[in-house]
Amino acid sequence: MSQECCHKTKERSPEEHRKLVNRLSRIEGQIRGIKRMVEEDAYCIDILIQAAAANAALNSFNKELLSEHIKTCVTNDIKAGKEETVDELVATIQKLMK
């Protein structure tokens, strides 16, 4: 099974796919919980704490995905002489750090 990026898609291993989807499902559950808290007029601080936890979980997801991207897509593209991938990576990191 190929781990290379092509045409802006990536074939992931079943394990990587499962891990990413599971992580997103947990984040989705956190967001639903925050929405429920708002609907139930929960205390502001409690909502903010839960929102911060969801934000941290999403940041963790991003770090995992970025790490895998660098190890596979970026590395393979550089080996193939596609230097523009580095510019794309830099632009992506700048967006993530806003």
C-alpha atoms as a PDB file:
ATOM      1  CA  MET A   1       0.000   0.000   0.000  1.00  0.00           C
ATOM      2  CA  SER A   2       1.456   3.338  -1.048  1.00  0.00           C
ATOM      3  CA  GLN A   3       2.110   6.110   1.467  1.00  0.00           C
ATOM      4  CA  GLU A   4       2.723   8.757  -1.186  1.00  0.00           C
ATOM      5  CA  CYS A   5       0.690  11.875  -1.788  1.00  0.00           C
ATOM      6  CA  CYS A   6      -0.559  12.376  -5.283  1.00  0.00           C
ATOM      7  CA  HIS A   7      -3.101  14.778  -6.709  1.00  0.00           C
ATOM      8  CA  LYS A   8      -3.728  16.247  -3.249  1.00  0.00           C
ATOM      9  CA  THR A   9      -4.982  12.972  -1.770  1.00  0.00           C
ATOM     10  CA  LYS A  10      -3.273  10.440   0.438  1.00  0.00           C
ATOM     11  CA  GLU A  11      -3.798   6.748   0.829  1.00  0.00           C
ATOM     12  CA  ARG A  12      -3.563   5.947   4.535  1.00  0.00           C
ATOM     13  CA  SER A  13      -3.020   2.620   6.184  1.00  0.00           C
ATOM     14  CA  PRO A  14      -6.101   1.155   7.879  1.00  0.00           C
ATOM     15  CA  GLU A  15      -4.440   1.779  11.264  1.00  0.00           C
ATOM     16  CA  GLU A  16      -3.669   5.438  10.524  1.00  0.00           C
ATOM     17  CA  HIS A  17      -7.178   5.955   9.144  1.00  0.00           C
ATOM     18  CA  ARG A  18      -8.749   4.359  12.225  1.00  0.00           C
ATOM     19  CA  LYS A  19      -6.657   6.430  14.637  1.00  0.00           C
ATOM     20  CA  LEU A  20      -7.468   9.722  12.895  1.00  0.00           C
ATOM     21  CA  VAL A  21     -11.187   8.991  12.612  1.00  0.00           C
ATOM     22  CA  ASN A  22     -11.388   7.863  16.257  1.00  0.00           C
ATOM     23  CA  ARG A  23      -9.646  11.025  17.401  1.00  0.00           C
ATOM     24  CA  LEU A  24     -12.020  13.182  15.348  1.00  0.00           C
ATOM     25  CA  SER A  25     -15.018  11.289  16.732  1.00  0.00           C
ATOM     26  CA  ARG A  26     -13.888  12.088  20.286  1.00  0.00           C
ATOM     27  CA  ILE A  27     -13.459  15.764  19.347  1.00  0.00           C
ATOM     28  CA  GLU A  28     -16.898  15.748  17.734  1.00  0.00           C
ATOM     29  CA  GLY A  29     -18.315  14.375  20.990  1.00  0.00           C
ATOM     30  CA  GLN A  30     -16.597  17.131  22.933  1.00  0.00           C
ATOM     31  CA  ILE A  31     -18.115  19.782  20.657  1.00  0.00           C
ATOM     32  CA  ARG A  32     -21.580  18.254  21.034  1.00  0.00           C
ATOM     33  CA  GLY A  33     -21.063  18.344  24.803  1.00  0.00           C
ATOM     34  CA  ILE A  34     -20.137  22.025  24.671  1.00  0.00           C
ATOM     35  CA  LYS A  35     -23.217  22.765  22.582  1.00  0.00           C
ATOM     36  CA  ARG A  36     -25.357  20.923  25.109  1.00  0.00           C
ATOM     37  CA  MET A  37     -23.782  22.949  27.912  1.00  0.00           C
ATOM     38  CA  VAL A  38     -24.733  26.188  26.137  1.00  0.00           C
ATOM     39  CA  GLU A  39     -28.255  24.911  25.520  1.00  0.00           C
ATOM     40  CA  GLU A  40     -28.558  24.025  29.209  1.00  0.00           C
ATOM     41  CA  ASP A  41     -27.224  27.426  30.331  1.00  0.00           C
ATOM     42  CA  ALA A  42     -24.107  26.007  31.980  1.00  0.00           C
ATOM     43  CA  TYR A  43     -21.765  28.370  33.809  1.00  0.00           C
ATOM     44  CA  CYS A  44     -19.478  30.326  31.432  1.00  0.00           C
ATOM     45  CA  ILE A  45     -16.246  29.141  33.032  1.00  0.00           C
ATOM     46  CA  ASP A  46     -17.295  25.501  32.746  1.00  0.00           C
ATOM     47  CA  ILE A  47     -18.023  25.970  29.036  1.00  0.00           C
ATOM     48  CA  LEU A  48     -14.719  27.762  28.476  1.00  0.00           C
ATOM     49  CA  ILE A  49     -12.800  24.948  30.172  1.00  0.00           C
ATOM     50  CA  GLN A  50     -14.490  22.366  27.968  1.00  0.00           C
ATOM     51  CA  ALA A  51     -13.862  24.496  24.867  1.00  0.00           C
ATOM     52  CA  ALA A  52     -10.176  24.752  25.804  1.00  0.00           C
ATOM     53  CA  ALA A  53     -10.028  20.959  26.158  1.00  0.00           C
ATOM     54  CA  ALA A  54     -11.613  20.523  22.713  1.00  0.00           C
ATOM     55  CA  ASN A  55      -9.166  23.042  21.260  1.00  0.00           C
ATOM     56  CA  ALA A  56      -6.244  21.132  22.814  1.00  0.00           C
ATOM     57  CA  ALA A  57      -7.587  17.873  21.364  1.00  0.00           C
ATOM     58  CA  LEU A  58      -7.855  19.444  17.908  1.00  0.00           C
ATOM     59  CA  ASN A  59      -4.316  20.831  18.208  1.00  0.00           C
ATOM     60  CA  SER A  60      -3.114  17.354  19.144  1.00  0.00           C
ATOM     61  CA  PHE A  61      -4.881  15.931  16.088  1.00  0.00           C
ATOM     62  CA  ASN A  62      -3.207  18.574  13.907  1.00  0.00           C
ATOM     63  CA  LYS A  63       0.232  17.760  15.322  1.00  0.00           C
ATOM     64  CA  GLU A  64      -0.245  14.058  14.656  1.00  0.00           C
ATOM     65  CA  LEU A  65      -1.466  14.647  11.108  1.00  0.00           C
ATOM     66  CA  LEU A  66       1.293  17.175  10.380  1.00  0.00           C
ATOM     67  CA  SER A  67       3.938  14.792  11.686  1.00  0.00           C
ATOM     68  CA  GLU A  68       2.684  11.998   9.450  1.00  0.00           C
ATOM     69  CA  HIS A  69       2.500  14.412   6.501  1.00  0.00           C
ATOM     70  CA  ILE A  70       6.127  15.442   6.965  1.00  0.00           C
ATOM     71  CA  LYS A  71       7.315  11.845   7.379  1.00  0.00           C
ATOM     72  CA  THR A  72       5.549  10.662   4.232  1.00  0.00           C
ATOM     73  CA  CYS A  73       4.273  13.249   1.753  1.00  0.00           C
ATOM     74  CA  VAL A  74       6.912  15.933   2.284  1.00  0.00           C
ATOM     75  CA  THR A  75       9.814  13.486   2.450  1.00  0.00           C
ATOM     76  CA  ASN A  76       8.673  11.650  -0.685  1.00  0.00           C
ATOM     77  CA  ASP A  77       8.091  14.874  -2.599  1.00  0.00           C
ATOM     78  CA  ILE A  78      11.532  16.235  -1.702  1.00  0.00           C
ATOM     79  CA  LYS A  79      13.139  12.966  -2.804  1.00  0.00           C
ATOM     80  CA  ALA A  80      11.212  13.295  -6.069  1.00  0.00           C
ATOM     81  CA  GLY A  81      12.519  16.838  -6.555  1.00  0.00           C
ATOM     82  CA  LYS A  82       9.241  18.602  -5.765  1.00  0.00           C
ATOM     83  CA  GLU A  83      10.715  21.471  -3.760  1.00  0.00           C
ATOM     84  CA  GLU A  84       7.425  23.450  -3.842  1.00  0.00           C
ATOM     85  CA  THR A  85       6.179  21.055  -1.162  1.00  0.00           C
ATOM     86  CA  VAL A  86       8.420  22.836   1.344  1.00  0.00           C
ATOM     87  CA  ASP A  87       6.731  26.161   0.532  1.00  0.00           C
ATOM     88  CA  GLU A  88       3.336  24.515   0.992  1.00  0.00           C
ATOM     89  CA  LEU A  89       4.466  23.098   4.347  1.00  0.00           C
ATOM     90  CA  VAL A  90       5.734  26.489   5.530  1.00  0.00           C
ATOM     91  CA  ALA A  91       2.454  28.157   4.540  1.00  0.00           C
ATOM     92  CA  THR A  92       0.495  25.458   6.348  1.00  0.00           C
ATOM     93  CA  ILE A  93       2.527  25.812   9.534  1.00  0.00           C
ATOM     94  CA  GLN A  94       2.015  29.579   9.435  1.00  0.00           C
ATOM     95  CA  LYS A  95      -1.773  29.045   9.190  1.00  0.00           C
ATOM     96  CA  LEU A  96      -1.718  26.579  12.075  1.00  0.00           C
ATOM     97  CA  MET A  97       0.178  29.028  14.283  1.00  0.00           C
ATOM     98  CA  LYS A  98      -2.276  31.919  13.934  1.00  0.00           C
END
